PDB file of N, CA and C in Angstrom:
ATOM      1  N   SER A   1      88.561  87.401  30.206  1.00  0.00           N
ATOM      2  CA  SER A   1      87.104  87.399  30.078  1.00  0.00           C
ATOM      3  C   SER A   1      86.261  86.403  30.145  1.00  0.00           C
ATOM      4  N   ASN A   2      86.851  85.449  29.462  1.00  0.00           N
ATOM      5  CA  ASN A   2      86.029  84.225  29.517  1.00  0.00           C
ATOM      6  C   ASN A   2      85.843  83.377  30.547  1.00  0.00           C
ATOM      7  N   SER A   3      86.763  83.517  31.716  1.00  0.00           N
ATOM      8  CA  SER A   3      86.361  82.968  32.834  1.00  0.00           C
ATOM      9  C   SER A   3      85.425  83.639  33.626  1.00  0.00           C
ATOM     10  N   GLY A   4      85.271  84.955  33.404  1.00  0.00           N
ATOM     11  CA  GLY A   4      83.967  85.754  34.104  1.00  0.00           C
ATOM     12  C   GLY A   4      82.861  85.228  33.486  1.00  0.00           C
ATOM     13  N   GLY A   5      82.722  85.049  32.362  1.00  0.00           N
ATOM     14  CA  GLY A   5      81.670  84.318  31.643  1.00  0.00           C
ATOM     15  C   GLY A   5      81.405  82.973  32.367  1.00  0.00           C
ATOM     16  N   ASN A   6      82.185  82.069  32.299  1.00  0.00           N
ATOM     17  CA  ASN A   6      81.768  80.766  32.851  1.00  0.00           C
ATOM     18  C   ASN A   6      81.485  81.008  34.254  1.00  0.00           C
ATOM     19  N   GLU A   7      82.255  81.873  35.268  1.00  0.00           N
ATOM     20  CA  GLU A   7      81.760  82.046  36.435  1.00  0.00           C
ATOM     21  C   GLU A   7      80.004  82.403  36.524  1.00  0.00           C
ATOM     22  N   GLU A   8      79.669  83.312  35.711  1.00  0.00           N
ATOM     23  CA  GLU A   8      78.498  83.693  35.637  1.00  0.00           C
ATOM     24  C   GLU A   8      77.441  82.752  35.150  1.00  0.00           C
ATOM     25  N   VAL A   9      77.855  81.574  34.460  1.00  0.00           N
ATOM     26  CA  VAL A   9      77.070  80.682  34.027  1.00  0.00           C
ATOM     27  C   VAL A   9      76.937  79.587  35.025  1.00  0.00           C
ATOM     28  N   PHE A  10      78.179  79.280  35.952  1.00  0.00           N
ATOM     29  CA  PHE A  10      78.095  78.467  37.169  1.00  0.00           C
ATOM     30  C   PHE A  10      77.122  79.078  37.991  1.00  0.00           C
ATOM     31  N   TYR A  11      77.116  80.279  38.343  1.00  0.00           N
ATOM     32  CA  TYR A  11      76.302  80.870  39.413  1.00  0.00           C
ATOM     33  C   TYR A  11      74.827  80.685  38.927  1.00  0.00           C
ATOM     34  N   SER A  12      74.696  80.971  37.687  1.00  0.00           N
ATOM     35  CA  SER A  12      73.393  80.786  37.362  1.00  0.00           C
ATOM     36  C   SER A  12      72.722  79.415  37.324  1.00  0.00           C
ATOM     37  N   PHE A  13      73.505  78.506  37.123  1.00  0.00           N
ATOM     38  CA  PHE A  13      73.111  76.970  37.284  1.00  0.00           C
ATOM     39  C   PHE A  13      72.811  76.775  38.585  1.00  0.00           C
ATOM     40  N   ILE A  14      73.565  77.423  39.707  1.00  0.00           N
ATOM     41  CA  ILE A  14      73.626  76.952  41.070  1.00  0.00           C
ATOM     42  C   ILE A  14      72.246  77.526  41.593  1.00  0.00           C
ATOM     43  N   GLN A  15      72.012  78.700  40.929  1.00  0.00           N
ATOM     44  CA  GLN A  15      70.797  79.475  41.420  1.00  0.00           C
ATOM     45  C   GLN A  15      69.624  78.790  41.049  1.00  0.00           C
ATOM     46  N   GLN A  16      69.533  78.261  39.646  1.00  0.00           N
ATOM     47  CA  GLN A  16      68.139  77.427  39.186  1.00  0.00           C
ATOM     48  C   GLN A  16      68.372  76.165  39.768  1.00  0.00           C
ATOM     49  N   TYR A  17      69.309  75.735  40.265  1.00  0.00           N
ATOM     50  CA  TYR A  17      69.322  74.159  41.001  1.00  0.00           C
ATOM     51  C   TYR A  17      68.636  74.397  42.312  1.00  0.00           C
ATOM     52  N   PHE A  18      69.093  75.485  43.050  1.00  0.00           N
ATOM     53  CA  PHE A  18      68.306  75.992  44.369  1.00  0.00           C
ATOM     54  C   PHE A  18      66.987  76.247  44.044  1.00  0.00           C
ATOM     55  N   GLU A  19      66.562  76.901  43.207  1.00  0.00           N
ATOM     56  CA  GLU A  19      65.100  77.255  42.871  1.00  0.00           C
ATOM     57  C   GLU A  19      64.278  76.070  42.548  1.00  0.00           C
ATOM     58  N   LEU A  20      64.846  74.964  41.923  1.00  0.00           N
ATOM     59  CA  LEU A  20      64.207  73.757  41.706  1.00  0.00           C
ATOM     60  C   LEU A  20      64.060  73.152  43.048  1.00  0.00           C
ATOM     61  N   LEU A  21      64.901  73.079  43.810  1.00  0.00           N
ATOM     62  CA  LEU A  21      64.956  72.345  45.330  1.00  0.00           C
ATOM     63  C   LEU A  21      63.700  72.968  46.183  1.00  0.00           C
ATOM     64  N   ILE A  22      63.563  74.413  45.997  1.00  0.00           N
ATOM     65  CA  ILE A  22      62.790  75.105  46.622  1.00  0.00           C
ATOM     66  C   ILE A  22      61.117  74.721  46.254  1.00  0.00           C
ATOM     67  N   PHE A  23      61.329  74.625  44.647  1.00  0.00           N
ATOM     68  CA  PHE A  23      59.864  74.028  44.395  1.00  0.00           C
ATOM     69  C   PHE A  23      59.444  72.591  44.679  1.00  0.00           C
ATOM     70  N   CYS A  24      60.449  71.859  44.697  1.00  0.00           N
ATOM     71  CA  CYS A  24      60.359  70.266  45.221  1.00  0.00           C
ATOM     72  C   CYS A  24      59.807  70.413  46.811  1.00  0.00           C
ATOM     73  N   ILE A  25      60.539  71.293  47.402  1.00  0.00           N
ATOM     74  CA  ILE A  25      60.250  71.353  48.932  1.00  0.00           C
ATOM     75  C   ILE A  25      58.805  71.509  49.198  1.00  0.00           C
ATOM     76  N   LYS A  26      58.259  72.929  48.480  1.00  0.00           N
ATOM     77  CA  LYS A  26      56.994  73.041  48.434  1.00  0.00           C
ATOM     78  C   LYS A  26      55.844  72.059  47.934  1.00  0.00           C
ATOM     79  N   ASN A  27      56.166  71.342  46.946  1.00  0.00           N
ATOM     80  CA  ASN A  27      55.284  70.505  46.122  1.00  0.00           C
ATOM     81  C   ASN A  27      55.373  69.022  46.493  1.00  0.00           C
ATOM     82  N   HIS A  28      56.508  68.296  46.770  1.00  0.00           N
ATOM     83  CA  HIS A  28      56.876  67.208  46.954  1.00  0.00           C
ATOM     84  C   HIS A  28      57.229  66.801  48.455  1.00  0.00           C
ATOM     85  N   GLY A  29      56.447  66.921  49.439  1.00  0.00           N
ATOM     86  CA  GLY A  29      56.751  66.673  50.603  1.00  0.00           C
ATOM     87  C   GLY A  29      57.593  65.441  51.044  1.00  0.00           C
ATOM     88  N   PHE A  30      57.033  64.280  51.407  1.00  0.00           N
ATOM     89  CA  PHE A  30      57.934  63.160  51.499  1.00  0.00           C
ATOM     90  C   PHE A  30      58.807  62.671  50.655  1.00  0.00           C
ATOM     91  N   LYS A  31      58.664  62.781  49.558  1.00  0.00           N
ATOM     92  CA  LYS A  31      59.763  62.272  48.442  1.00  0.00           C
ATOM     93  C   LYS A  31      60.909  63.181  48.709  1.00  0.00           C
ATOM     94  N   ILE A  32      60.912  64.635  48.676  1.00  0.00           N
ATOM     95  CA  ILE A  32      62.047  65.380  48.673  1.00  0.00           C
ATOM     96  C   ILE A  32      62.321  65.223  50.070  1.00  0.00           C
ATOM     97  N   ARG A  33      61.553  65.292  51.032  1.00  0.00           N
ATOM     98  CA  ARG A  33      62.423  65.123  52.354  1.00  0.00           C
ATOM     99  C   ARG A  33      63.220  63.848  52.374  1.00  0.00           C
ATOM    100  N   HIS A  34      62.858  62.783  51.976  1.00  0.00           N
ATOM    101  CA  HIS A  34      63.752  61.549  51.857  1.00  0.00           C
ATOM    102  C   HIS A  34      64.708  61.752  51.215  1.00  0.00           C
ATOM    103  N   TYR A  35      64.771  62.541  50.038  1.00  0.00           N
ATOM    104  CA  TYR A  35      65.951  62.619  49.250  1.00  0.00           C
ATOM    105  C   TYR A  35      66.977  63.495  49.874  1.00  0.00           C
ATOM    106  N   LEU A  36      66.673  64.813  50.530  1.00  0.00           N
ATOM    107  CA  LEU A  36      67.423  65.814  51.164  1.00  0.00           C
ATOM    108  C   LEU A  36      68.251  65.246  52.355  1.00  0.00           C
ATOM    109  N   ILE A  37      67.234  64.435  53.111  1.00  0.00           N
ATOM    110  CA  ILE A  37      68.095  63.823  54.240  1.00  0.00           C
ATOM    111  C   ILE A  37      68.941  62.698  53.796  1.00  0.00           C
ATOM    112  N   SER A  38      68.481  61.555  52.808  1.00  0.00           N
ATOM    113  CA  SER A  38      69.468  60.535  52.513  1.00  0.00           C
ATOM    114  C   SER A  38      70.645  60.871  51.976  1.00  0.00           C
ATOM    115  N   HIS A  39      70.692  62.168  51.084  1.00  0.00           N
ATOM    116  CA  HIS A  39      71.662  62.467  50.294  1.00  0.00           C
ATOM    117  C   HIS A  39      72.427  63.533  50.924  1.00  0.00           C
ATOM    118  N   LYS A  40      72.098  64.116  52.167  1.00  0.00           N
ATOM    119  CA  LYS A  40      72.635  65.103  52.769  1.00  0.00           C
ATOM    120  C   LYS A  40      72.844  66.256  51.912  1.00  0.00           C
ATOM    121  N   VAL A  41      71.818  66.722  51.307  1.00  0.00           N
ATOM    122  CA  VAL A  41      71.843  67.860  50.110  1.00  0.00           C
ATOM    123  C   VAL A  41      71.927  69.097  51.124  1.00  0.00           C
ATOM    124  N   LEU A  42      71.382  69.239  52.116  1.00  0.00           N
ATOM    125  CA  LEU A  42      71.367  70.686  52.919  1.00  0.00           C
ATOM    126  C   LEU A  42      72.714  71.011  53.372  1.00  0.00           C
ATOM    127  N   GLN A  43      73.410  69.781  53.958  1.00  0.00           N
ATOM    128  CA  GLN A  43      74.692  69.993  54.477  1.00  0.00           C
ATOM    129  C   GLN A  43      75.639  70.511  53.472  1.00  0.00           C
ATOM    130  N   GLN A  44      75.692  69.686  52.364  1.00  0.00           N
ATOM    131  CA  GLN A  44      76.554  70.047  51.311  1.00  0.00           C
ATOM    132  C   GLN A  44      76.235  71.704  50.642  1.00  0.00           C
ATOM    133  N   ILE A  45      75.005  71.827  50.688  1.00  0.00           N
ATOM    134  CA  ILE A  45      74.638  73.264  50.158  1.00  0.00           C
ATOM    135  C   ILE A  45      75.172  74.284  51.040  1.00  0.00           C
ATOM    136  N   PHE A  46      75.137  73.977  52.325  1.00  0.00           N
ATOM    137  CA  PHE A  46      75.326  75.220  53.306  1.00  0.00           C
ATOM    138  C   PHE A  46      76.920  74.903  53.670  1.00  0.00           C
ATOM    139  N   LYS A  47      77.574  73.987  53.417  1.00  0.00           N
ATOM    140  CA  LYS A  47      79.170  73.832  53.644  1.00  0.00           C
ATOM    141  C   LYS A  47      79.789  74.783  52.660  1.00  0.00           C
ATOM    142  N   GLY A  48      79.045  74.929  51.446  1.00  0.00           N
ATOM    143  CA  GLY A  48      79.658  75.630  50.168  1.00  0.00           C
ATOM    144  C   GLY A  48      79.139  77.043  50.388  1.00  0.00           C
ATOM    145  N   SER A  49      78.889  77.739  51.623  1.00  0.00           N
ATOM    146  CA  SER A  49      78.075  78.977  51.622  1.00  0.00           C
ATOM    147  C   SER A  49      79.135  80.013  51.548  1.00  0.00           C
ATOM    148  N   GLY A  50      80.323  79.679  51.400  1.00  0.00           N
ATOM    149  CA  GLY A  50      81.407  80.748  51.067  1.00  0.00           C
ATOM    150  C   GLY A  50      81.376  81.455  49.712  1.00  0.00           C
ATOM    151  N   ILE A  51      80.335  81.004  48.723  1.00  0.00           N
ATOM    152  CA  ILE A  51      80.227  81.662  47.716  1.00  0.00           C
ATOM    153  C   ILE A  51      79.900  82.817  47.718  1.00  0.00           C
ATOM    154  N   GLN A  52      80.768  83.821  47.016  1.00  0.00           N
ATOM    155  CA  GLN A  52      80.540  85.520  47.273  1.00  0.00           C
ATOM    156  C   GLN A  52      79.782  85.946  46.127  1.00  0.00           C
ATOM    157  N   ASN A  53      78.494  85.447  46.109  1.00  0.00           N
ATOM    158  CA  ASN A  53      77.598  85.833  44.910  1.00  0.00           C
ATOM    159  C   ASN A  53      76.210  86.203  45.670  1.00  0.00           C
ATOM    160  N   LYS A  54      75.853  87.100  45.613  1.00  0.00           N
ATOM    161  CA  LYS A  54      74.732  87.714  46.411  1.00  0.00           C
ATOM    162  C   LYS A  54      73.347  86.826  46.121  1.00  0.00           C
ATOM    163  N   SER A  55      73.101  86.434  44.708  1.00  0.00           N
ATOM    164  CA  SER A  55      72.002  85.787  44.029  1.00  0.00           C
ATOM    165  C   SER A  55      71.969  84.276  44.750  1.00  0.00           C
ATOM    166  N   VAL A  56      73.322  83.761  44.622  1.00  0.00           N
ATOM    167  CA  VAL A  56      73.349  82.504  45.165  1.00  0.00           C
ATOM    168  C   VAL A  56      72.971  82.348  46.814  1.00  0.00           C
ATOM    169  N   THR A  57      73.867  83.328  47.259  1.00  0.00           N
ATOM    170  CA  THR A  57      73.434  83.297  48.927  1.00  0.00           C
ATOM    171  C   THR A  57      72.121  83.526  49.256  1.00  0.00           C
ATOM    172  N   LEU A  58      71.421  84.279  48.545  1.00  0.00           N
ATOM    173  CA  LEU A  58      70.049  84.625  48.827  1.00  0.00           C
ATOM    174  C   LEU A  58      69.190  83.553  48.561  1.00  0.00           C
ATOM    175  N   ALA A  59      69.505  82.628  47.533  1.00  0.00           N
ATOM    176  CA  ALA A  59      68.904  81.329  47.013  1.00  0.00           C
ATOM    177  C   ALA A  59      69.089  80.180  48.137  1.00  0.00           C
ATOM    178  N   MET A  60      70.176  80.365  48.817  1.00  0.00           N
ATOM    179  CA  MET A  60      70.419  79.429  49.889  1.00  0.00           C
ATOM    180  C   MET A  60      69.650  79.701  51.080  1.00  0.00           C
ATOM    181  N   LEU A  61      69.582  80.859  51.417  1.00  0.00           N
ATOM    182  CA  LEU A  61      68.588  81.393  52.477  1.00  0.00           C
ATOM    183  C   LEU A  61      67.105  80.965  52.128  1.00  0.00           C
ATOM    184  N   ARG A  62      66.836  81.076  51.199  1.00  0.00           N
ATOM    185  CA  ARG A  62      65.506  80.787  50.423  1.00  0.00           C
ATOM    186  C   ARG A  62      65.272  79.306  50.781  1.00  0.00           C
ATOM    187  N   ILE A  63      66.151  78.384  50.336  1.00  0.00           N
ATOM    188  CA  ILE A  63      65.820  77.003  50.705  1.00  0.00           C
ATOM    189  C   ILE A  63      65.751  76.713  52.102  1.00  0.00           C
ATOM    190  N   LEU A  64      66.626  77.198  52.855  1.00  0.00           N
ATOM    191  CA  LEU A  64      66.594  77.068  54.402  1.00  0.00           C
ATOM    192  C   LEU A  64      65.014  77.578  54.917  1.00  0.00           C
ATOM    193  N   LYS A  65      64.595  78.716  54.527  1.00  0.00           N
ATOM    194  CA  LYS A  65      63.586  79.380  55.092  1.00  0.00           C
ATOM    195  C   LYS A  65      62.298  78.553  54.481  1.00  0.00           C
ATOM    196  N   THR A  66      62.252  78.140  53.385  1.00  0.00           N
ATOM    197  CA  THR A  66      61.313  77.304  52.781  1.00  0.00           C
ATOM    198  C   THR A  66      61.130  75.887  53.628  1.00  0.00           C
ATOM    199  N   ALA A  67      62.361  75.309  53.724  1.00  0.00           N
ATOM    200  CA  ALA A  67      62.327  73.970  54.549  1.00  0.00           C
ATOM    201  C   ALA A  67      61.687  74.221  56.090  1.00  0.00           C
ATOM    202  N   LEU A  68      62.226  75.298  56.321  1.00  0.00           N
ATOM    203  CA  LEU A  68      61.520  75.720  57.908  1.00  0.00           C
ATOM    204  C   LEU A  68      60.093  76.292  57.828  1.00  0.00           C
ATOM    205  N   LYS A  69      59.573  76.861  56.932  1.00  0.00           N
ATOM    206  CA  LYS A  69      58.186  77.437  56.872  1.00  0.00           C
ATOM    207  C   LYS A  69      57.578  76.044  56.413  1.00  0.00           C
ATOM    208  N   SER A  70      58.005  74.903  55.763  1.00  0.00           N
ATOM    209  CA  SER A  70      57.295  73.874  55.308  1.00  0.00           C
ATOM    210  C   SER A  70      56.438  72.887  56.606  1.00  0.00           C
ATOM    211  N   HIS A  71      56.971  73.372  57.978  1.00  0.00           N
ATOM    212  CA  HIS A  71      56.323  72.699  59.013  1.00  0.00           C
ATOM    213  C   HIS A  71      56.612  71.275  58.989  1.00  0.00           C
ATOM    214  N   ASP A  72      57.548  70.709  58.456  1.00  0.00           N
ATOM    215  CA  ASP A  72      57.895  69.152  58.240  1.00  0.00           C
ATOM    216  C   ASP A  72      58.824  68.945  59.287  1.00  0.00           C
ATOM    217  N   GLU A  73      58.129  68.156  60.254  1.00  0.00           N
ATOM    218  CA  GLU A  73      58.894  68.045  61.773  1.00  0.00           C
ATOM    219  C   GLU A  73      60.304  67.248  61.521  1.00  0.00           C
ATOM    220  N   PHE A  74      60.427  66.318  60.529  1.00  0.00           N
ATOM    221  CA  PHE A  74      61.508  65.443  60.254  1.00  0.00           C
ATOM    222  C   PHE A  74      62.619  66.265  59.657  1.00  0.00           C
ATOM    223  N   LEU A  75      62.300  67.199  58.633  1.00  0.00           N
ATOM    224  CA  LEU A  75      63.101  68.033  57.993  1.00  0.00           C
ATOM    225  C   LEU A  75      63.749  69.081  58.969  1.00  0.00           C
ATOM    226  N   ILE A  76      62.742  69.664  59.782  1.00  0.00           N
ATOM    227  CA  ILE A  76      63.097  70.696  60.587  1.00  0.00           C
ATOM    228  C   ILE A  76      64.103  69.943  61.695  1.00  0.00           C
ATOM    229  N   LYS A  77      63.926  68.749  62.172  1.00  0.00           N
ATOM    230  CA  LYS A  77      64.660  68.141  63.151  1.00  0.00           C
ATOM    231  C   LYS A  77      65.922  67.716  62.490  1.00  0.00           C
ATOM    232  N   HIS A  78      65.971  67.104  61.251  1.00  0.00           N
ATOM    233  CA  HIS A  78      67.276  66.972  60.665  1.00  0.00           C
ATOM    234  C   HIS A  78      68.120  68.201  60.514  1.00  0.00           C
ATOM    235  N   ILE A  79      67.518  69.546  60.164  1.00  0.00           N
ATOM    236  CA  ILE A  79      68.406  70.786  59.896  1.00  0.00           C
ATOM    237  C   ILE A  79      68.980  70.709  61.557  1.00  0.00           C
ATOM    238  N   HIS A  80      68.202  70.672  62.442  1.00  0.00           N
ATOM    239  CA  HIS A  80      68.586  70.973  63.921  1.00  0.00           C
ATOM    240  C   HIS A  80      69.710  69.984  64.297  1.00  0.00           C
ATOM    241  N   THR A  81      69.250  68.636  64.058  1.00  0.00           N
ATOM    242  CA  THR A  81      70.257  67.513  64.529  1.00  0.00           C
ATOM    243  C   THR A  81      71.750  67.713  63.852  1.00  0.00           C
ATOM    244  N   TYR A  82      71.660  68.113  62.678  1.00  0.00           N
ATOM    245  CA  TYR A  82      72.988  68.090  61.986  1.00  0.00           C
ATOM    246  C   TYR A  82      73.601  69.685  61.910  1.00  0.00           C
ATOM    247  N   ASN A  83      73.018  70.513  62.783  1.00  0.00           N
ATOM    248  CA  ASN A  83      73.554  71.790  62.738  1.00  0.00           C
ATOM    249  C   ASN A  83      73.688  72.574  61.632  1.00  0.00           C
ATOM    250  N   THR A  84      72.513  72.428  60.386  1.00  0.00           N
ATOM    251  CA  THR A  84      72.852  72.993  58.908  1.00  0.00           C
ATOM    252  C   THR A  84      73.165  74.495  59.294  1.00  0.00           C
ATOM    253  N   VAL A  85      72.429  75.068  60.065  1.00  0.00           N
ATOM    254  CA  VAL A  85      72.278  76.380  60.187  1.00  0.00           C
ATOM    255  C   VAL A  85      73.781  77.167  60.641  1.00  0.00           C
ATOM    256  N   SER A  86      74.581  76.158  61.280  1.00  0.00           N
ATOM    257  CA  SER A  86      75.714  76.816  61.640  1.00  0.00           C
ATOM    258  C   SER A  86      76.804  76.911  60.605  1.00  0.00           C
ATOM    259  N   TYR A  87      76.553  76.141  59.383  1.00  0.00           N
ATOM    260  CA  TYR A  87      77.485  76.450  58.219  1.00  0.00           C
ATOM    261  C   TYR A  87      77.111  77.738  57.586  1.00  0.00           C
ATOM    262  N   THR A  88      76.079  78.513  57.821  1.00  0.00           N
ATOM    263  CA  THR A  88      75.798  79.687  57.177  1.00  0.00           C
ATOM    264  C   THR A  88      76.093  81.100  57.937  1.00  0.00           C
ATOM    265  N   HIS A  89      76.880  80.548  59.346  1.00  0.00           N
ATOM    266  CA  HIS A  89      77.048  81.702  60.341  1.00  0.00           C
ATOM    267  C   HIS A  89      76.116  82.627  60.600  1.00  0.00           C
ATOM    268  N   LEU A  90      74.899  82.083  60.400  1.00  0.00           N
ATOM    269  CA  LEU A  90      73.710  82.822  60.797  1.00  0.00           C
ATOM    270  C   LEU A  90      72.904  82.194  62.161  1.00  0.00           C
ATOM    271  N   THR A  91      71.920  82.846  62.611  1.00  0.00           N
ATOM    272  CA  THR A  91      71.351  82.188  63.604  1.00  0.00           C
ATOM    273  C   THR A  91      69.858  82.072  63.179  1.00  0.00           C
ATOM    274  N   LEU A  92      69.116  81.099  63.794  1.00  0.00           N
ATOM    275  CA  LEU A  92      67.735  80.887  63.248  1.00  0.00           C
ATOM    276  C   LEU A  92      66.943  82.380  63.358  1.00  0.00           C
ATOM    277  N   PRO A  93      66.958  83.130  64.495  1.00  0.00           N
ATOM    278  CA  PRO A  93      66.489  84.361  64.379  1.00  0.00           C
ATOM    279  C   PRO A  93      66.600  85.533  63.251  1.00  0.00           C
ATOM    280  N   THR A  94      67.790  85.340  62.957  1.00  0.00           N
ATOM    281  CA  THR A  94      68.352  86.195  61.784  1.00  0.00           C
ATOM    282  C   THR A  94      67.433  85.653  60.528  1.00  0.00           C
ATOM    283  N   ILE A  95      67.557  84.277  60.153  1.00  0.00           N
ATOM    284  CA  ILE A  95      66.945  84.041  58.909  1.00  0.00           C
ATOM    285  C   ILE A  95      65.477  84.202  59.081  1.00  0.00           C
ATOM    286  N   TYR A  96      64.800  84.017  60.436  1.00  0.00           N
ATOM    287  CA  TYR A  96      63.236  84.245  60.355  1.00  0.00           C
ATOM    288  C   TYR A  96      63.020  85.587  60.018  1.00  0.00           C
ATOM    289  N   SER A  97      64.071  86.394  60.201  1.00  0.00           N
ATOM    290  CA  SER A  97      63.781  88.025  60.091  1.00  0.00           C
ATOM    291  C   SER A  97      64.055  88.546  58.566  1.00  0.00           C
ATOM    292  N   VAL A  98      64.783  87.504  57.744  1.00  0.00           N
ATOM    293  CA  VAL A  98      64.956  87.794  56.652  1.00  0.00           C
ATOM    294  C   VAL A  98      63.768  87.925  55.491  1.00  0.00           C
ATOM    295  N   GLN A  99      63.661  89.015  54.896  1.00  0.00           N
ATOM    296  CA  GLN A  99      62.465  89.078  53.967  1.00  0.00           C
ATOM    297  C   GLN A  99      62.827  88.997  52.518  1.00  0.00           C
ATOM    298  N   ILE A 100      62.473  87.623  52.022  1.00  0.00           N
ATOM    299  CA  ILE A 100      62.882  87.132  50.784  1.00  0.00           C
ATOM    300  C   ILE A 100      61.734  87.048  49.832  1.00  0.00           C
TER     301      ILE A 100
END
């Protein structure tokens, strides 16, 4: 039963980290773009998209949606160039249609 509690704490931590990234994307344009690109954060997040937790999965989609809605050409080009979306096994039209 303790491992279930640890798993829940882990998922909660990951979700909070994703929410922090979303806040940074919305409020800290250049600096967060540089950080996300230089540290390949988005690739790392979506490579781990096999997590079977609905809240974490939705938070990952919110990150991608926020990045795309930021209209930051460099960030969008980075997402496209490194094919970040393919890690999610979703297509862009599917992501745009998600109401989060």
